[in-house]
Amino acid sequence: MDTIYRGTIATRAGRRNAWIDSLFVDHALLRLGWSNFAAVTPGRLYRCNHPTPARLARLARTLGLRTLINLRGQCANGSDALSRDAAERLGLGFIDLPMQSGRAPPRALLLALIDALRNADGPALLHCKSGADRAGFASGVFLLLNGGTAAEALAQLSWRFGHLRRSRAGVLDTVFIAYRRQASGHAGFAEWVRDGYDPAIVTAEFATGKVAAFVNERVLARE
């Protein structure tokens, strides 16, 4: 079951349904005491798992956030509805970039991510569901766009955030590895994505591990 959300938080019953769906279907109950929060570049970009409205309000206040980047896209569940409503109430810009953790991003989507990271009004906060895979990848892209190395980008995809490199999500590491091998040192990341990136080749170069894949997709229910 992906959601029991009925599509409205305009009523008390609708908001209650959104919270039930968020907490028990989308696993937000686990996120109440665990934010997976980190600064990517202090004052410019931060990362976390899908924030609750209260956490988003607190981060907006303490960090001066201006933009929320949603790497889950319009997933039409309770968590999504509640965070959109909170962002609107807080006056935050809202950017949807629907990524999948177990798939090399299509070139057009990766270029859209690059454009958003370059032009979002900061400080910005980006999130996926668990803050491990897509959030780590986008954070790594941001570092590469701002003078970072492939090694620094890969460090955003680590055990520290719950990223399992041998699961299907490890294909995101392979994007950075392919860039390092093919173009690092003589072409910028955005230029490489535009002219040399091939998601089919990246996918073919990656192999999953059965145990990590089971944990990531079945136990942790990553998207």
N, C-alpha and C. Protein backbone atom coordinates (compact mmCIF):
# COMPACT_ATOMS: atom_id res chain seq x y z
N MET A 1 0.85 -1.19 0.00
CA MET A 1 0.00 0.00 0.00
C MET A 1 0.89 1.24 0.00
N ASP A 2 0.69 2.13 -0.97
CA ASP A 2 1.51 3.33 -1.08
C ASP A 2 0.92 4.51 -0.31
N THR A 3 -0.40 4.59 -0.22
CA THR A 3 -1.02 5.72 0.47
C THR A 3 -2.48 5.41 0.78
N ILE A 4 -2.97 5.99 1.87
CA ILE A 4 -4.40 5.98 2.16
C ILE A 4 -4.92 7.41 2.16
N TYR A 5 -4.07 8.34 1.73
CA TYR A 5 -4.42 9.76 1.70
C TYR A 5 -5.55 10.00 0.72
N ARG A 6 -6.53 10.84 1.11
CA ARG A 6 -7.72 11.06 0.29
C ARG A 6 -7.67 12.33 -0.55
N GLY A 7 -6.55 13.05 -0.50
CA GLY A 7 -6.39 14.16 -1.44
C GLY A 7 -6.79 15.52 -0.96
N THR A 8 -7.01 15.71 0.34
CA THR A 8 -7.31 17.05 0.83
C THR A 8 -6.88 17.19 2.29
N ILE A 9 -6.36 18.37 2.62
CA ILE A 9 -6.12 18.70 4.02
C ILE A 9 -6.91 19.95 4.40
N ALA A 10 -7.90 20.26 3.56
CA ALA A 10 -8.70 21.47 3.80
C ALA A 10 -9.66 21.29 4.98
N THR A 11 -9.95 20.05 5.35
CA THR A 11 -10.84 19.78 6.47
C THR A 11 -10.06 19.13 7.60
N ARG A 12 -10.64 19.15 8.78
CA ARG A 12 -9.98 18.51 9.93
C ARG A 12 -9.81 17.02 9.68
N ALA A 13 -10.83 16.38 9.12
CA ALA A 13 -10.75 14.95 8.84
C ALA A 13 -9.69 14.67 7.77
N GLY A 14 -9.61 15.55 6.77
CA GLY A 14 -8.62 15.37 5.72
C GLY A 14 -7.20 15.50 6.24
N ARG A 15 -6.98 16.49 7.12
CA ARG A 15 -5.65 16.66 7.69
C ARG A 15 -5.30 15.47 8.59
N ARG A 16 -6.27 14.98 9.35
CA ARG A 16 -6.02 13.81 10.19
C ARG A 16 -5.65 12.61 9.33
N ASN A 17 -6.36 12.42 8.23
CA ASN A 17 -6.05 11.33 7.31
C ASN A 17 -4.65 11.47 6.73
N ALA A 18 -4.24 12.72 6.41
CA ALA A 18 -2.90 12.96 5.87
C ALA A 18 -1.83 12.58 6.90
N TRP A 19 -2.07 12.91 8.16
CA TRP A 19 -1.11 12.56 9.22
C TRP A 19 -1.03 11.05 9.42
N ILE A 20 -2.16 10.37 9.41
CA ILE A 20 -2.16 8.91 9.56
C ILE A 20 -1.37 8.28 8.42
N ASP A 21 -1.64 8.73 7.21
CA ASP A 21 -0.93 8.21 6.06
C ASP A 21 0.57 8.49 6.15
N SER A 22 0.92 9.72 6.53
CA SER A 22 2.32 10.10 6.63
C SER A 22 3.05 9.26 7.67
N LEU A 23 2.46 9.14 8.85
CA LEU A 23 3.13 8.46 9.96
C LEU A 23 3.24 6.96 9.76
N PHE A 24 2.18 6.33 9.28
CA PHE A 24 2.13 4.87 9.30
C PHE A 24 2.30 4.20 7.94
N VAL A 25 1.98 4.90 6.87
CA VAL A 25 2.17 4.33 5.53
C VAL A 25 3.48 4.81 4.92
N ASP A 26 3.78 6.09 5.10
CA ASP A 26 5.01 6.66 4.53
C ASP A 26 6.17 6.63 5.53
N HIS A 27 5.99 6.00 6.67
CA HIS A 27 7.05 5.76 7.66
C HIS A 27 7.57 7.03 8.33
N ALA A 28 6.78 8.10 8.34
CA ALA A 28 7.22 9.31 9.01
C ALA A 28 7.35 9.13 10.52
N LEU A 29 6.73 8.09 11.06
CA LEU A 29 6.88 7.81 12.49
C LEU A 29 8.36 7.64 12.83
N LEU A 30 9.11 7.02 11.92
CA LEU A 30 10.54 6.82 12.14
C LEU A 30 11.32 8.12 12.01
N ARG A 31 10.74 9.09 11.30
CA ARG A 31 11.44 10.34 11.06
C ARG A 31 11.17 11.39 12.13
N LEU A 32 10.28 11.10 13.07
CA LEU A 32 9.97 12.08 14.10
C LEU A 32 11.19 12.41 14.95
N GLY A 33 12.01 11.40 15.23
CA GLY A 33 13.20 11.65 16.05
C GLY A 33 14.49 11.56 15.28
N TRP A 34 14.40 11.44 13.96
CA TRP A 34 15.60 11.26 13.13
C TRP A 34 15.41 12.05 11.84
N SER A 35 16.21 13.10 11.68
CA SER A 35 16.04 13.98 10.53
C SER A 35 17.03 13.69 9.41
N ASN A 36 18.12 12.97 9.71
CA ASN A 36 19.20 12.76 8.73
C ASN A 36 19.67 14.09 8.16
N PHE A 37 19.69 15.10 8.99
CA PHE A 37 20.01 16.47 8.55
C PHE A 37 21.51 16.69 8.50
N ALA A 38 21.95 17.47 7.51
CA ALA A 38 23.34 17.89 7.43
C ALA A 38 23.44 19.13 6.57
N ALA A 39 24.44 19.92 6.85
CA ALA A 39 24.76 21.06 5.99
C ALA A 39 25.64 20.56 4.85
N VAL A 40 25.26 20.86 3.62
CA VAL A 40 26.10 20.56 2.46
C VAL A 40 27.12 21.68 2.30
N THR A 41 26.62 22.89 2.22
CA THR A 41 27.44 24.09 2.27
C THR A 41 26.72 25.06 3.20
N PRO A 42 27.21 25.29 4.40
CA PRO A 42 26.49 26.13 5.37
C PRO A 42 26.10 27.49 4.77
N GLY A 43 24.86 27.85 5.01
CA GLY A 43 24.36 29.12 4.51
C GLY A 43 23.83 29.06 3.10
N ARG A 44 24.05 27.93 2.42
CA ARG A 44 23.61 27.83 1.03
C ARG A 44 22.70 26.61 0.78
N LEU A 45 23.13 25.44 1.24
CA LEU A 45 22.35 24.23 0.96
C LEU A 45 22.43 23.27 2.13
N TYR A 46 21.27 22.68 2.47
CA TYR A 46 21.15 21.69 3.53
C TYR A 46 20.36 20.50 2.99
N ARG A 47 20.49 19.35 3.67
CA ARG A 47 19.82 18.13 3.25
C ARG A 47 19.19 17.44 4.44
N CYS A 48 18.12 16.66 4.20
CA CYS A 48 17.47 15.91 5.27
C CYS A 48 16.51 14.90 4.66
N ASN A 49 15.89 14.09 5.53
CA ASN A 49 14.80 13.25 5.05
C ASN A 49 13.53 14.09 4.96
N HIS A 50 12.42 13.48 4.57
CA HIS A 50 11.19 14.26 4.36
C HIS A 50 10.79 14.94 5.67
N PRO A 51 10.84 16.26 5.72
CA PRO A 51 10.61 16.94 7.00
C PRO A 51 9.14 16.98 7.39
N THR A 52 8.89 16.84 8.67
CA THR A 52 7.55 17.11 9.18
C THR A 52 7.31 18.61 9.14
N PRO A 53 6.06 19.06 9.18
CA PRO A 53 5.81 20.50 9.18
C PRO A 53 6.51 21.24 10.32
N ALA A 54 6.53 20.65 11.51
CA ALA A 54 7.18 21.32 12.65
C ALA A 54 8.68 21.44 12.43
N ARG A 55 9.30 20.37 11.90
CA ARG A 55 10.74 20.43 11.66
C ARG A 55 11.05 21.45 10.56
N LEU A 56 10.24 21.47 9.52
CA LEU A 56 10.46 22.43 8.45
C LEU A 56 10.36 23.86 8.97
N ALA A 57 9.39 24.12 9.82
CA ALA A 57 9.24 25.45 10.39
C ALA A 57 10.44 25.82 11.24
N ARG A 58 10.93 24.86 12.02
CA ARG A 58 12.10 25.14 12.86
C ARG A 58 13.35 25.40 12.02
N LEU A 59 13.55 24.61 10.98
CA LEU A 59 14.71 24.81 10.13
C LEU A 59 14.61 26.12 9.35
N ALA A 60 13.41 26.44 8.89
CA ALA A 60 13.23 27.70 8.18
C ALA A 60 13.57 28.88 9.08
N ARG A 61 13.19 28.78 10.33
CA ARG A 61 13.45 29.87 11.28
C ARG A 61 14.93 29.96 11.63
N THR A 62 15.56 28.84 11.92
CA THR A 62 16.94 28.87 12.40
C THR A 62 17.96 29.07 11.26
N LEU A 63 17.62 28.59 10.06
CA LEU A 63 18.58 28.67 8.95
C LEU A 63 18.25 29.77 7.95
N GLY A 64 17.07 30.38 8.10
CA GLY A 64 16.67 31.41 7.15
C GLY A 64 16.35 30.85 5.77
N LEU A 65 15.76 29.66 5.74
CA LEU A 65 15.50 29.00 4.46
C LEU A 65 14.61 29.85 3.55
N ARG A 66 14.90 29.73 2.25
CA ARG A 66 14.08 30.43 1.26
C ARG A 66 13.41 29.45 0.29
N THR A 67 13.99 28.24 0.15
CA THR A 67 13.49 27.30 -0.86
C THR A 67 13.53 25.87 -0.33
N LEU A 68 12.50 25.09 -0.69
CA LEU A 68 12.46 23.66 -0.39
C LEU A 68 12.50 22.91 -1.72
N ILE A 69 13.47 22.01 -1.86
CA ILE A 69 13.61 21.20 -3.08
C ILE A 69 13.17 19.78 -2.76
N ASN A 70 12.11 19.33 -3.41
CA ASN A 70 11.50 18.04 -3.15
C ASN A 70 11.92 17.04 -4.22
N LEU A 71 12.77 16.10 -3.86
CA LEU A 71 13.28 15.12 -4.81
C LEU A 71 12.36 13.92 -4.97
N ARG A 72 11.25 13.91 -4.26
CA ARG A 72 10.25 12.85 -4.42
C ARG A 72 9.25 13.19 -5.51
N GLY A 73 9.14 14.46 -5.85
CA GLY A 73 8.12 14.89 -6.79
C GLY A 73 6.75 14.87 -6.16
N GLN A 74 5.73 15.01 -6.98
CA GLN A 74 4.36 15.02 -6.47
C GLN A 74 3.91 13.58 -6.22
N CYS A 75 4.21 13.08 -5.03
CA CYS A 75 3.90 11.68 -4.74
C CYS A 75 2.49 11.49 -4.17
N ALA A 76 1.75 12.57 -3.98
CA ALA A 76 0.32 12.50 -3.66
C ALA A 76 0.01 11.68 -2.42
N ASN A 77 0.88 11.77 -1.40
CA ASN A 77 0.58 11.10 -0.14
C ASN A 77 0.47 12.14 0.98
N GLY A 78 0.26 11.67 2.20
CA GLY A 78 0.08 12.60 3.31
C GLY A 78 1.30 13.44 3.60
N SER A 79 2.47 12.84 3.54
CA SER A 79 3.70 13.58 3.80
C SER A 79 3.87 14.71 2.80
N ASP A 80 3.59 14.42 1.54
CA ASP A 80 3.71 15.41 0.48
C ASP A 80 2.74 16.57 0.71
N ALA A 81 1.50 16.24 1.00
CA ALA A 81 0.50 17.29 1.21
C ALA A 81 0.86 18.18 2.39
N LEU A 82 1.30 17.58 3.47
CA LEU A 82 1.62 18.34 4.68
C LEU A 82 2.84 19.24 4.47
N SER A 83 3.86 18.77 3.76
CA SER A 83 5.05 19.59 3.55
C SER A 83 4.78 20.72 2.56
N ARG A 84 3.96 20.46 1.55
CA ARG A 84 3.59 21.53 0.62
C ARG A 84 2.82 22.63 1.34
N ASP A 85 1.89 22.21 2.18
CA ASP A 85 1.11 23.18 2.94
C ASP A 85 2.01 23.98 3.88
N ALA A 86 2.93 23.30 4.55
CA ALA A 86 3.85 23.99 5.46
C ALA A 86 4.74 24.96 4.72
N ALA A 87 5.26 24.55 3.56
CA ALA A 87 6.14 25.43 2.78
C ALA A 87 5.38 26.68 2.35
N GLU A 88 4.13 26.52 1.94
CA GLU A 88 3.34 27.68 1.54
C GLU A 88 3.10 28.62 2.72
N ARG A 89 2.78 28.05 3.85
CA ARG A 89 2.55 28.88 5.04
C ARG A 89 3.82 29.63 5.46
N LEU A 90 4.97 29.02 5.23
CA LEU A 90 6.24 29.63 5.61
C LEU A 90 6.79 30.57 4.55
N GLY A 91 6.13 30.63 3.40
CA GLY A 91 6.58 31.50 2.33
C GLY A 91 7.81 30.99 1.60
N LEU A 92 8.01 29.66 1.58
CA LEU A 92 9.17 29.09 0.92
C LEU A 92 8.87 28.82 -0.55
N GLY A 93 9.86 29.05 -1.41
CA GLY A 93 9.76 28.55 -2.77
C GLY A 93 9.77 27.04 -2.75
N PHE A 94 9.11 26.42 -3.72
CA PHE A 94 8.96 24.96 -3.73
C PHE A 94 9.32 24.45 -5.12
N ILE A 95 10.29 23.54 -5.17
CA ILE A 95 10.75 22.98 -6.45
C ILE A 95 10.57 21.47 -6.42
N ASP A 96 9.87 20.94 -7.42
CA ASP A 96 9.68 19.50 -7.57
C ASP A 96 10.69 18.96 -8.57
N LEU A 97 11.45 17.95 -8.15
CA LEU A 97 12.37 17.25 -9.04
C LEU A 97 12.24 15.75 -8.77
N PRO A 98 11.31 15.09 -9.42
CA PRO A 98 11.02 13.68 -9.10
C PRO A 98 12.13 12.74 -9.57
N MET A 99 12.93 12.25 -8.64
CA MET A 99 14.01 11.32 -8.94
C MET A 99 13.69 9.95 -8.38
N GLN A 100 14.35 8.93 -8.92
CA GLN A 100 14.28 7.57 -8.39
C GLN A 100 15.67 7.18 -7.91
N SER A 101 15.73 6.58 -6.74
CA SER A 101 17.05 6.26 -6.17
C SER A 101 17.72 5.10 -6.87
N GLY A 102 16.97 4.20 -7.50
CA GLY A 102 17.55 3.01 -8.10
C GLY A 102 17.72 3.11 -9.59
N ARG A 103 17.79 4.33 -10.10
CA ARG A 103 17.88 4.51 -11.55
C ARG A 103 18.82 5.67 -11.86
N ALA A 104 19.69 5.50 -12.86
CA ALA A 104 20.52 6.61 -13.31
C ALA A 104 19.60 7.69 -13.88
N PRO A 105 19.69 8.92 -13.41
CA PRO A 105 18.75 9.96 -13.85
C PRO A 105 18.83 10.19 -15.36
N PRO A 106 17.71 10.32 -16.04
CA PRO A 106 17.75 10.74 -17.44
C PRO A 106 18.48 12.07 -17.57
N ARG A 107 19.09 12.30 -18.72
CA ARG A 107 19.86 13.53 -18.90
C ARG A 107 19.02 14.78 -18.65
N ALA A 108 17.79 14.79 -19.16
CA ALA A 108 16.94 15.98 -19.01
C ALA A 108 16.66 16.27 -17.53
N LEU A 109 16.43 15.22 -16.74
CA LEU A 109 16.17 15.42 -15.32
C LEU A 109 17.43 15.91 -14.61
N LEU A 110 18.58 15.36 -14.98
CA LEU A 110 19.82 15.78 -14.35
C LEU A 110 20.14 17.23 -14.70
N LEU A 111 19.85 17.64 -15.92
CA LEU A 111 20.05 19.04 -16.29
C LEU A 111 19.08 19.95 -15.54
N ALA A 112 17.85 19.47 -15.30
CA ALA A 112 16.88 20.25 -14.52
C ALA A 112 17.35 20.39 -13.08
N LEU A 113 17.93 19.32 -12.51
CA LEU A 113 18.49 19.38 -11.16
C LEU A 113 19.62 20.40 -11.11
N ILE A 114 20.51 20.37 -12.09
CA ILE A 114 21.62 21.32 -12.13
C ILE A 114 21.09 22.75 -12.19
N ASP A 115 20.09 22.97 -13.01
CA ASP A 115 19.51 24.31 -13.14
C ASP A 115 18.89 24.76 -11.81
N ALA A 116 18.18 23.85 -11.15
CA ALA A 116 17.55 24.20 -9.87
C ALA A 116 18.60 24.52 -8.81
N LEU A 117 19.65 23.72 -8.73
CA LEU A 117 20.68 23.95 -7.72
C LEU A 117 21.45 25.24 -7.98
N ARG A 118 21.57 25.61 -9.23
CA ARG A 118 22.26 26.86 -9.56
C ARG A 118 21.40 28.09 -9.28
N ASN A 119 20.09 27.96 -9.46
CA ASN A 119 19.24 29.13 -9.46
C ASN A 119 18.25 29.23 -8.30
N ALA A 120 18.15 28.21 -7.48
CA ALA A 120 17.22 28.27 -6.34
C ALA A 120 17.62 29.40 -5.39
N ASP A 121 16.63 30.09 -4.90
CA ASP A 121 16.86 31.14 -3.93
C ASP A 121 17.32 30.50 -2.61
N GLY A 122 18.51 30.83 -2.16
CA GLY A 122 19.04 30.19 -0.96
C GLY A 122 18.95 31.06 0.27
N PRO A 123 19.15 30.43 1.41
CA PRO A 123 19.50 29.03 1.63
C PRO A 123 18.35 28.08 1.25
N ALA A 124 18.72 26.92 0.75
CA ALA A 124 17.74 25.92 0.32
C ALA A 124 17.92 24.64 1.12
N LEU A 125 16.82 23.93 1.26
CA LEU A 125 16.82 22.61 1.90
C LEU A 125 16.31 21.62 0.88
N LEU A 126 17.04 20.54 0.66
CA LEU A 126 16.56 19.49 -0.24
C LEU A 126 16.29 18.22 0.55
N HIS A 127 15.30 17.47 0.09
CA HIS A 127 14.94 16.24 0.79
C HIS A 127 14.43 15.21 -0.19
N CYS A 128 14.57 13.94 0.20
CA CYS A 128 13.87 12.84 -0.46
C CYS A 128 13.04 12.17 0.63
N LYS A 129 12.89 10.85 0.61
CA LYS A 129 12.13 10.19 1.67
C LYS A 129 12.98 10.00 2.91
N SER A 130 14.12 9.32 2.75
CA SER A 130 14.97 8.99 3.89
C SER A 130 16.18 9.89 4.03
N GLY A 131 16.44 10.73 3.03
CA GLY A 131 17.60 11.61 3.09
C GLY A 131 18.91 10.89 2.85
N ALA A 132 18.85 9.70 2.24
CA ALA A 132 20.05 8.88 2.09
C ALA A 132 20.59 8.87 0.67
N ASP A 133 19.72 8.64 -0.31
CA ASP A 133 20.17 8.37 -1.67
C ASP A 133 20.00 9.59 -2.59
N ARG A 134 18.77 9.95 -2.89
CA ARG A 134 18.55 11.08 -3.79
C ARG A 134 19.06 12.38 -3.19
N ALA A 135 18.86 12.57 -1.90
CA ALA A 135 19.38 13.78 -1.24
C ALA A 135 20.90 13.80 -1.30
N GLY A 136 21.52 12.64 -1.12
CA GLY A 136 22.97 12.57 -1.20
C GLY A 136 23.48 12.86 -2.60
N PHE A 137 22.78 12.31 -3.60
CA PHE A 137 23.19 12.55 -4.98
C PHE A 137 23.07 14.03 -5.33
N ALA A 138 21.95 14.64 -5.02
CA ALA A 138 21.77 16.06 -5.33
C ALA A 138 22.79 16.92 -4.60
N SER A 139 23.11 16.54 -3.37
CA SER A 139 24.13 17.27 -2.62
C SER A 139 25.49 17.16 -3.30
N GLY A 140 25.80 15.96 -3.79
CA GLY A 140 27.05 15.78 -4.51
C GLY A 140 27.10 16.59 -5.78
N VAL A 141 25.99 16.65 -6.50
CA VAL A 141 25.93 17.48 -7.71
C VAL A 141 26.19 18.94 -7.36
N PHE A 142 25.59 19.40 -6.27
CA PHE A 142 25.80 20.79 -5.85
C PHE A 142 27.28 21.06 -5.60
N LEU A 143 27.95 20.15 -4.93
CA LEU A 143 29.37 20.34 -4.66
C LEU A 143 30.18 20.39 -5.95
N LEU A 144 29.87 19.51 -6.90
CA LEU A 144 30.58 19.52 -8.17
C LEU A 144 30.36 20.82 -8.93
N LEU A 145 29.17 21.37 -8.84
CA LEU A 145 28.87 22.63 -9.52
C LEU A 145 29.59 23.81 -8.88
N ASN A 146 30.07 23.60 -7.66
CA ASN A 146 30.69 24.70 -6.93
C ASN A 146 32.15 24.40 -6.58
N GLY A 147 32.83 23.72 -7.48
CA GLY A 147 34.26 23.52 -7.34
C GLY A 147 34.69 22.29 -6.58
N GLY A 148 33.74 21.46 -6.15
CA GLY A 148 34.08 20.25 -5.42
C GLY A 148 34.60 19.15 -6.32
N THR A 149 35.15 18.13 -5.72
CA THR A 149 35.69 17.00 -6.46
C THR A 149 34.71 15.84 -6.49
N ALA A 150 34.99 14.87 -7.37
CA ALA A 150 34.14 13.68 -7.41
C ALA A 150 34.19 12.93 -6.09
N ALA A 151 35.36 12.91 -5.44
CA ALA A 151 35.48 12.25 -4.13
C ALA A 151 34.58 12.92 -3.10
N GLU A 152 34.52 14.25 -3.13
CA GLU A 152 33.64 14.97 -2.19
C GLU A 152 32.17 14.71 -2.51
N ALA A 153 31.85 14.61 -3.79
CA ALA A 153 30.48 14.28 -4.17
C ALA A 153 30.11 12.88 -3.69
N LEU A 154 31.02 11.93 -3.88
CA LEU A 154 30.75 10.55 -3.45
C LEU A 154 30.59 10.45 -1.93
N ALA A 155 31.25 11.33 -1.19
CA ALA A 155 31.15 11.31 0.27
C ALA A 155 29.74 11.66 0.74
N GLN A 156 28.96 12.32 -0.10
CA GLN A 156 27.58 12.63 0.25
C GLN A 156 26.69 11.38 0.16
N LEU A 157 27.19 10.35 -0.50
CA LEU A 157 26.50 9.07 -0.61
C LEU A 157 27.25 8.08 0.27
N SER A 158 26.93 8.07 1.53
CA SER A 158 27.74 7.29 2.47
C SER A 158 26.87 6.58 3.50
N TRP A 159 27.52 5.66 4.25
CA TRP A 159 26.88 4.98 5.36
C TRP A 159 26.35 5.96 6.40
N ARG A 160 27.07 7.09 6.55
CA ARG A 160 26.66 8.07 7.56
C ARG A 160 25.21 8.49 7.37
N PHE A 161 24.73 8.50 6.12
CA PHE A 161 23.36 8.90 5.82
C PHE A 161 22.44 7.71 5.55
N GLY A 162 22.97 6.49 5.68
CA GLY A 162 22.17 5.30 5.42
C GLY A 162 22.18 4.85 3.97
N HIS A 163 23.12 5.35 3.18
CA HIS A 163 23.21 4.96 1.78
C HIS A 163 23.91 3.61 1.66
N LEU A 164 23.31 2.69 0.93
CA LEU A 164 23.88 1.36 0.71
C LEU A 164 24.37 1.27 -0.72
N ARG A 165 25.66 1.32 -0.89
CA ARG A 165 26.26 1.43 -2.22
C ARG A 165 26.03 0.20 -3.08
N ARG A 166 25.82 -0.97 -2.45
CA ARG A 166 25.60 -2.18 -3.23
C ARG A 166 24.11 -2.44 -3.50
N SER A 167 23.24 -1.59 -3.02
CA SER A 167 21.84 -1.68 -3.38
C SER A 167 21.63 -1.02 -4.75
N ARG A 168 20.39 -1.03 -5.23
CA ARG A 168 20.13 -0.38 -6.52
C ARG A 168 20.50 1.09 -6.50
N ALA A 169 20.45 1.72 -5.31
CA ALA A 169 20.78 3.14 -5.20
C ALA A 169 22.25 3.42 -5.51
N GLY A 170 23.07 2.38 -5.52
CA GLY A 170 24.47 2.57 -5.85
C GLY A 170 24.71 3.04 -7.27
N VAL A 171 23.69 2.94 -8.12
CA VAL A 171 23.84 3.46 -9.48
C VAL A 171 24.10 4.97 -9.45
N LEU A 172 23.66 5.64 -8.39
CA LEU A 172 23.91 7.08 -8.26
C LEU A 172 25.39 7.35 -8.03
N ASP A 173 26.06 6.49 -7.26
CA ASP A 173 27.51 6.60 -7.11
C ASP A 173 28.19 6.46 -8.46
N THR A 174 27.66 5.55 -9.28
CA THR A 174 28.29 5.25 -10.56
C THR A 174 28.27 6.46 -11.48
N VAL A 175 27.27 7.33 -11.33
CA VAL A 175 27.26 8.57 -12.12
C VAL A 175 28.51 9.40 -11.81
N PHE A 176 28.80 9.57 -10.53
CA PHE A 176 29.98 10.36 -10.14
C PHE A 176 31.28 9.65 -10.54
N ILE A 177 31.29 8.33 -10.43
CA ILE A 177 32.47 7.56 -10.82
C ILE A 177 32.72 7.70 -12.32
N ALA A 178 31.64 7.64 -13.10
CA ALA A 178 31.78 7.80 -14.55
C ALA A 178 32.29 9.19 -14.89
N TYR A 179 31.80 10.21 -14.21
CA TYR A 179 32.29 11.57 -14.45
C TYR A 179 33.77 11.67 -14.12
N ARG A 180 34.18 11.11 -12.97
CA ARG A 180 35.58 11.17 -12.58
C ARG A 180 36.47 10.50 -13.62
N ARG A 181 36.02 9.38 -14.14
CA ARG A 181 36.83 8.65 -15.11
C ARG A 181 36.86 9.35 -16.48
N GLN A 182 35.74 9.89 -16.90
CA GLN A 182 35.63 10.40 -18.25
C GLN A 182 36.02 11.86 -18.41
N ALA A 183 35.76 12.67 -17.40
CA ALA A 183 35.87 14.10 -17.65
C ALA A 183 36.45 14.93 -16.52
N SER A 184 36.54 14.41 -15.29
CA SER A 184 37.01 15.22 -14.18
C SER A 184 38.41 15.76 -14.46
N GLY A 185 38.59 17.07 -14.26
CA GLY A 185 39.87 17.72 -14.49
C GLY A 185 39.95 18.45 -15.81
N HIS A 186 39.07 18.10 -16.75
CA HIS A 186 39.11 18.82 -18.03
C HIS A 186 37.72 19.22 -18.54
N ALA A 187 36.68 18.88 -17.80
CA ALA A 187 35.34 19.35 -18.15
C ALA A 187 34.52 19.48 -16.88
N GLY A 188 33.73 20.54 -16.78
CA GLY A 188 32.85 20.71 -15.63
C GLY A 188 31.73 19.67 -15.66
N PHE A 189 31.15 19.45 -14.49
CA PHE A 189 30.11 18.43 -14.40
C PHE A 189 28.93 18.74 -15.31
N ALA A 190 28.47 19.98 -15.32
CA ALA A 190 27.32 20.34 -16.15
C ALA A 190 27.64 20.14 -17.63
N GLU A 191 28.84 20.49 -18.02
CA GLU A 191 29.25 20.30 -19.42
C GLU A 191 29.27 18.81 -19.77
N TRP A 192 29.79 17.99 -18.86
CA TRP A 192 29.83 16.55 -19.09
C TRP A 192 28.43 15.97 -19.20
N VAL A 193 27.53 16.40 -18.32
CA VAL A 193 26.15 15.91 -18.39
C VAL A 193 25.54 16.26 -19.74
N ARG A 194 25.75 17.46 -20.18
CA ARG A 194 25.17 17.92 -21.45
C ARG A 194 25.75 17.18 -22.65
N ASP A 195 27.06 16.92 -22.65
CA ASP A 195 27.72 16.42 -23.86
C ASP A 195 28.20 14.97 -23.79
N GLY A 196 28.38 14.42 -22.57
CA GLY A 196 28.98 13.10 -22.50
C GLY A 196 28.26 12.07 -21.65
N TYR A 197 27.31 12.51 -20.84
CA TYR A 197 26.63 11.60 -19.92
C TYR A 197 25.67 10.69 -20.66
N ASP A 198 25.74 9.39 -20.37
CA ASP A 198 24.84 8.42 -20.97
C ASP A 198 24.30 7.52 -19.86
N PRO A 199 23.06 7.71 -19.45
CA PRO A 199 22.53 6.91 -18.34
C PRO A 199 22.51 5.41 -18.63
N ALA A 200 22.38 5.03 -19.89
CA ALA A 200 22.39 3.60 -20.23
C ALA A 200 23.75 2.97 -19.95
N ILE A 201 24.81 3.70 -20.26
CA ILE A 201 26.16 3.19 -19.99
C ILE A 201 26.40 3.11 -18.49
N VAL A 202 25.98 4.14 -17.76
CA VAL A 202 26.13 4.13 -16.31
C VAL A 202 25.40 2.94 -15.71
N THR A 203 24.19 2.68 -16.16
CA THR A 203 23.40 1.57 -15.65
C THR A 203 24.09 0.24 -15.93
N ALA A 204 24.65 0.11 -17.13
CA ALA A 204 25.31 -1.15 -17.51
C ALA A 204 26.57 -1.40 -16.69
N GLU A 205 27.19 -0.34 -16.19
CA GLU A 205 28.43 -0.48 -15.43
C GLU A 205 28.19 -0.87 -13.98
N PHE A 206 26.95 -0.81 -13.53
CA PHE A 206 26.67 -1.03 -12.11
C PHE A 206 26.04 -2.40 -11.88
N ALA A 207 26.46 -3.06 -10.81
CA ALA A 207 25.87 -4.34 -10.41
C ALA A 207 25.46 -4.27 -8.95
N THR A 208 24.25 -4.71 -8.63
CA THR A 208 23.77 -4.67 -7.26
C THR A 208 24.25 -5.88 -6.48
N GLY A 209 24.22 -5.75 -5.15
CA GLY A 209 24.45 -6.88 -4.26
C GLY A 209 23.10 -7.34 -3.72
N LYS A 210 22.85 -8.63 -3.64
CA LYS A 210 21.53 -9.14 -3.28
C LYS A 210 21.11 -8.73 -1.87
N VAL A 211 22.02 -8.82 -0.91
CA VAL A 211 21.67 -8.49 0.47
C VAL A 211 21.36 -7.01 0.60
N ALA A 212 22.22 -6.16 0.05
CA ALA A 212 22.00 -4.71 0.13
C ALA A 212 20.72 -4.32 -0.58
N ALA A 213 20.45 -4.96 -1.71
CA ALA A 213 19.22 -4.65 -2.45
C ALA A 213 18.00 -5.02 -1.62
N PHE A 214 18.03 -6.19 -0.96
CA PHE A 214 16.90 -6.61 -0.14
C PHE A 214 16.66 -5.63 1.01
N VAL A 215 17.73 -5.23 1.69
CA VAL A 215 17.60 -4.29 2.81
C VAL A 215 17.05 -2.95 2.33
N ASN A 216 17.58 -2.46 1.22
CA ASN A 216 17.20 -1.13 0.75
C ASN A 216 15.75 -1.09 0.27
N GLU A 217 15.36 -2.09 -0.51
CA GLU A 217 14.03 -2.03 -1.13
C GLU A 217 12.94 -2.67 -0.29
N ARG A 218 13.27 -3.76 0.45
CA ARG A 218 12.24 -4.48 1.18
C ARG A 218 12.14 -4.03 2.63
N VAL A 219 13.29 -3.90 3.29
CA VAL A 219 13.27 -3.53 4.71
C VAL A 219 13.07 -2.03 4.88
N LEU A 220 13.87 -1.23 4.19
CA LEU A 220 13.81 0.22 4.33
C LEU A 220 12.79 0.88 3.42
N ALA A 221 12.26 0.14 2.46
CA ALA A 221 11.22 0.62 1.54
C ALA A 221 11.62 1.92 0.86
N ARG A 222 12.85 1.96 0.37
CA ARG A 222 13.31 3.16 -0.35
C ARG A 222 12.63 3.23 -1.70
N GLU A 223 12.49 4.45 -2.21
CA GLU A 223 11.80 4.67 -3.49
C GLU A 223 12.82 4.63 -4.64
